[in-house]
């Protein structure tokens, strides 16, 4: 009977150590995968921030260029109309609208 108990406890003890080793291996693997996941997340987040910054810079440059073009067209229109007004030259509404529409074509959409 003691021989049977000893064998039973030895089997239980070896199963315990196998289970503990398996748990240790799985925990280590989970830790390594978690660390890799965190590193990958941080890397992708940095890439997406860089891309967003690049896109916002490109958009800002595009808007500034368009605003400058509009500003040039409006300043030129102001100069032309102020010259006509100062000369007391009568400018019809239709002619003024045509002139403004012609100038508007130079402005990017």
C-alpha atoms as a PDB file:
ATOM      1  CA  UNK A   1       0.000   0.000   0.000  1.00  0.00           C
ATOM      2  CA  UNK A   2       2.800   2.426   0.829  1.00  0.00           C
ATOM      3  CA  UNK A   3       4.416   1.532  -2.453  1.00  0.00           C
ATOM      4  CA  UNK A   4       1.225   2.491  -4.299  1.00  0.00           C
ATOM      5  CA  UNK A   5       0.963   5.774  -2.398  1.00  0.00           C
ATOM      6  CA  UNK A   6       4.579   6.570  -3.062  1.00  0.00           C
ATOM      7  CA  UNK A   7       4.099   5.947  -6.802  1.00  0.00           C
ATOM      8  CA  UNK A   8       0.921   8.020  -6.781  1.00  0.00           C
ATOM      9  CA  UNK A   9       2.633  10.972  -5.067  1.00  0.00           C
ATOM     10  CA  UNK A  10       5.665  10.713  -7.330  1.00  0.00           C
ATOM     11  CA  UNK A  11       3.401  10.864 -10.378  1.00  0.00           C
ATOM     12  CA  UNK A  12       1.539  13.823  -8.895  1.00  0.00           C
ATOM     13  CA  UNK A  13       4.801  15.575  -8.075  1.00  0.00           C
ATOM     14  CA  UNK A  14       6.198  15.046 -11.567  1.00  0.00           C
ATOM     15  CA  UNK A  15       2.893  16.247 -13.064  1.00  0.00           C
ATOM     16  CA  UNK A  16       3.111  19.324 -10.843  1.00  0.00           C
ATOM     17  CA  UNK A  17       6.609  20.130 -12.082  1.00  0.00           C
ATOM     18  CA  UNK A  18       5.619  19.562 -15.704  1.00  0.00           C
ATOM     19  CA  UNK A  19       2.628  21.856 -15.197  1.00  0.00           C
ATOM     20  CA  UNK A  20       4.787  24.481 -13.496  1.00  0.00           C
ATOM     21  CA  UNK A  21       7.332  24.297 -16.316  1.00  0.00           C
ATOM     22  CA  UNK A  22       4.575  24.579 -18.914  1.00  0.00           C
ATOM     23  CA  UNK A  23       3.112  27.561 -17.064  1.00  0.00           C
ATOM     24  CA  UNK A  24       6.552  29.210 -16.918  1.00  0.00           C
ATOM     25  CA  UNK A  25       7.102  28.660 -20.664  1.00  0.00           C
ATOM     26  CA  UNK A  26       3.653  30.028 -21.513  1.00  0.00           C
ATOM     27  CA  UNK A  27       4.163  33.031 -19.228  1.00  0.00           C
ATOM     28  CA  UNK A  28       7.535  33.791 -20.814  1.00  0.00           C
ATOM     29  CA  UNK A  29       6.063  33.462 -24.299  1.00  0.00           C
ATOM     30  CA  UNK A  30       3.151  35.746 -23.351  1.00  0.00           C
ATOM     31  CA  UNK A  31       5.604  38.285 -21.925  1.00  0.00           C
ATOM     32  CA  UNK A  32       7.741  38.251 -25.069  1.00  0.00           C
ATOM     33  CA  UNK A  33       4.715  38.576 -27.330  1.00  0.00           C
ATOM     34  CA  UNK A  34       3.311  41.377 -25.190  1.00  0.00           C
ATOM     35  CA  UNK A  35       6.613  43.235 -25.307  1.00  0.00           C
ATOM     36  CA  UNK A  36       6.762  42.832 -29.101  1.00  0.00           C
ATOM     37  CA  UNK A  37       3.165  44.042 -29.390  1.00  0.00           C
ATOM     38  CA  UNK A  38       3.888  47.154 -27.320  1.00  0.00           C
ATOM     39  CA  UNK A  39       7.000  47.924 -29.372  1.00  0.00           C
ATOM     40  CA  UNK A  40       5.097  47.422 -32.639  1.00  0.00           C
ATOM     41  CA  UNK A  41       2.258  49.667 -31.429  1.00  0.00           C
ATOM     42  CA  UNK A  42       4.670  52.443 -30.473  1.00  0.00           C
ATOM     43  CA  UNK A  43       6.450  52.183 -33.814  1.00  0.00           C
ATOM     44  CA  UNK A  44       3.220  52.311 -35.832  1.00  0.00           C
ATOM     45  CA  UNK A  45       1.950  55.200 -33.718  1.00  0.00           C
ATOM     46  CA  UNK A  46       5.154  57.140 -34.415  1.00  0.00           C
ATOM     47  CA  UNK A  47       4.791  56.415 -38.161  1.00  0.00           C
ATOM     48  CA  UNK A  48       1.186  57.583 -38.183  1.00  0.00           C
ATOM     49  CA  UNK A  49       2.105  60.769 -36.296  1.00  0.00           C
ATOM     50  CA  UNK A  50       4.868  61.478 -38.811  1.00  0.00           C
ATOM     51  CA  UNK A  51       2.490  60.890 -41.734  1.00  0.00           C
ATOM     52  CA  UNK A  52      -0.177  63.113 -40.188  1.00  0.00           C
ATOM     53  CA  UNK A  53       2.400  65.842 -39.603  1.00  0.00           C
ATOM     54  CA  UNK A  54       3.617  65.579 -43.208  1.00  0.00           C
ATOM     55  CA  UNK A  55       0.066  65.728 -44.549  1.00  0.00           C
ATOM     56  CA  UNK A  56      -0.834  68.704 -42.394  1.00  0.00           C
ATOM     57  CA  UNK A  57       2.338  70.526 -43.493  1.00  0.00           C
ATOM     58  CA  UNK A  58       1.538  69.843 -47.157  1.00  0.00           C
ATOM     59  CA  UNK A  59      -2.039  71.016 -46.667  1.00  0.00           C
ATOM     60  CA  UNK A  60      -0.836  74.157 -44.909  1.00  0.00           C
ATOM     61  CA  UNK A  61       1.558  74.972 -47.765  1.00  0.00           C
ATOM     62  CA  UNK A  62      -1.216  74.401 -50.327  1.00  0.00           C
ATOM     63  CA  UNK A  63      -3.621  76.676 -48.450  1.00  0.00           C
ATOM     64  CA  UNK A  64      -0.982  79.391 -48.058  1.00  0.00           C
ATOM     65  CA  UNK A  65      -0.180  79.260 -51.772  1.00  0.00           C
ATOM     66  CA  UNK A  66      -3.882  79.531 -52.678  1.00  0.00           C
ATOM     67  CA  UNK A  67      -4.428  82.413 -50.272  1.00  0.00           C
ATOM     68  CA  UNK A  68      -1.442  84.242 -51.738  1.00  0.00           C
ATOM     69  CA  UNK A  69      -2.813  83.767 -55.275  1.00  0.00           C
ATOM     70  CA  UNK A  70      -6.205  85.078 -54.187  1.00  0.00           C
ATOM     71  CA  UNK A  71      -4.531  87.996 -52.439  1.00  0.00           C
ATOM     72  CA  UNK A  72      -2.611  88.915 -55.592  1.00  0.00           C
ATOM     73  CA  UNK A  73      -5.756  88.798 -57.722  1.00  0.00           C
ATOM     74  CA  UNK A  74      -7.723  90.897 -55.220  1.00  0.00           C
ATOM     75  CA  UNK A  75      -4.943  93.465 -54.853  1.00  0.00           C
ATOM     76  CA  UNK A  76      -4.703  93.766 -58.628  1.00  0.00           C
ATOM     77  CA  UNK A  77      -8.495  94.163 -58.873  1.00  0.00           C
ATOM     78  CA  UNK A  78      -8.432  96.769 -56.104  1.00  0.00           C
ATOM     79  CA  UNK A  79      -5.724  98.706 -57.906  1.00  0.00           C
ATOM     80  CA  UNK A  80      -7.596  98.608 -61.219  1.00  0.00           C
ATOM     81  CA  UNK A  81     -10.949  99.624 -59.738  1.00  0.00           C
ATOM     82  CA  UNK A  82      -9.452 102.362 -57.545  1.00  0.00           C
ATOM     83  CA  UNK A  83      -7.723 103.794 -60.602  1.00  0.00           C
ATOM     84  CA  UNK A  84     -10.985 103.829 -62.528  1.00  0.00           C
ATOM     85  CA  UNK A  85     -12.866 105.408 -59.606  1.00  0.00           C
ATOM     86  CA  UNK A  86     -10.216 108.080 -59.070  1.00  0.00           C
ATOM     87  CA  UNK A  87     -10.417 109.053 -62.735  1.00  0.00           C
ATOM     88  CA  UNK A  88     -14.160 109.495 -62.311  1.00  0.00           C
ATOM     89  CA  UNK A  89     -14.559 106.993 -65.081  1.00  0.00           C
ATOM     90  CA  UNK A  90     -18.004 105.453 -65.191  1.00  0.00           C
ATOM     91  CA  UNK A  91     -17.791 101.685 -64.910  1.00  0.00           C
ATOM     92  CA  UNK A  92     -20.948  99.715 -65.574  1.00  0.00           C
ATOM     93  CA  UNK A  93     -22.066  96.912 -63.305  1.00  0.00           C
ATOM     94  CA  UNK A  94     -21.978  94.415 -66.159  1.00  0.00           C
ATOM     95  CA  UNK A  95     -18.420  95.392 -67.110  1.00  0.00           C
ATOM     96  CA  UNK A  96     -17.294  95.220 -63.472  1.00  0.00           C
ATOM     97  CA  UNK A  97     -18.846  91.773 -63.070  1.00  0.00           C
ATOM     98  CA  UNK A  98     -17.213  90.534 -66.273  1.00  0.00           C
ATOM     99  CA  UNK A  99     -13.862  91.834 -65.079  1.00  0.00           C
ATOM    100  CA  UNK A 100     -14.257  90.172 -61.690  1.00  0.00           C
ATOM    101  CA  UNK A 101     -15.285  86.868 -63.314  1.00  0.00           C
ATOM    102  CA  UNK A 102     -12.255  87.031 -65.600  1.00  0.00           C
ATOM    103  CA  UNK A 103     -10.030  87.566 -62.579  1.00  0.00           C
ATOM    104  CA  UNK A 104     -11.767  84.776 -60.669  1.00  0.00           C
ATOM    105  CA  UNK A 105     -10.668  82.272 -63.321  1.00  0.00           C
ATOM    106  CA  UNK A 106      -7.060  82.877 -62.247  1.00  0.00           C
ATOM    107  CA  UNK A 107      -7.882  81.819 -58.691  1.00  0.00           C
ATOM    108  CA  UNK A 108      -7.467  78.076 -58.063  1.00  0.00           C
ATOM    109  CA  UNK A 109     -10.470  76.131 -56.922  1.00  0.00           C
END
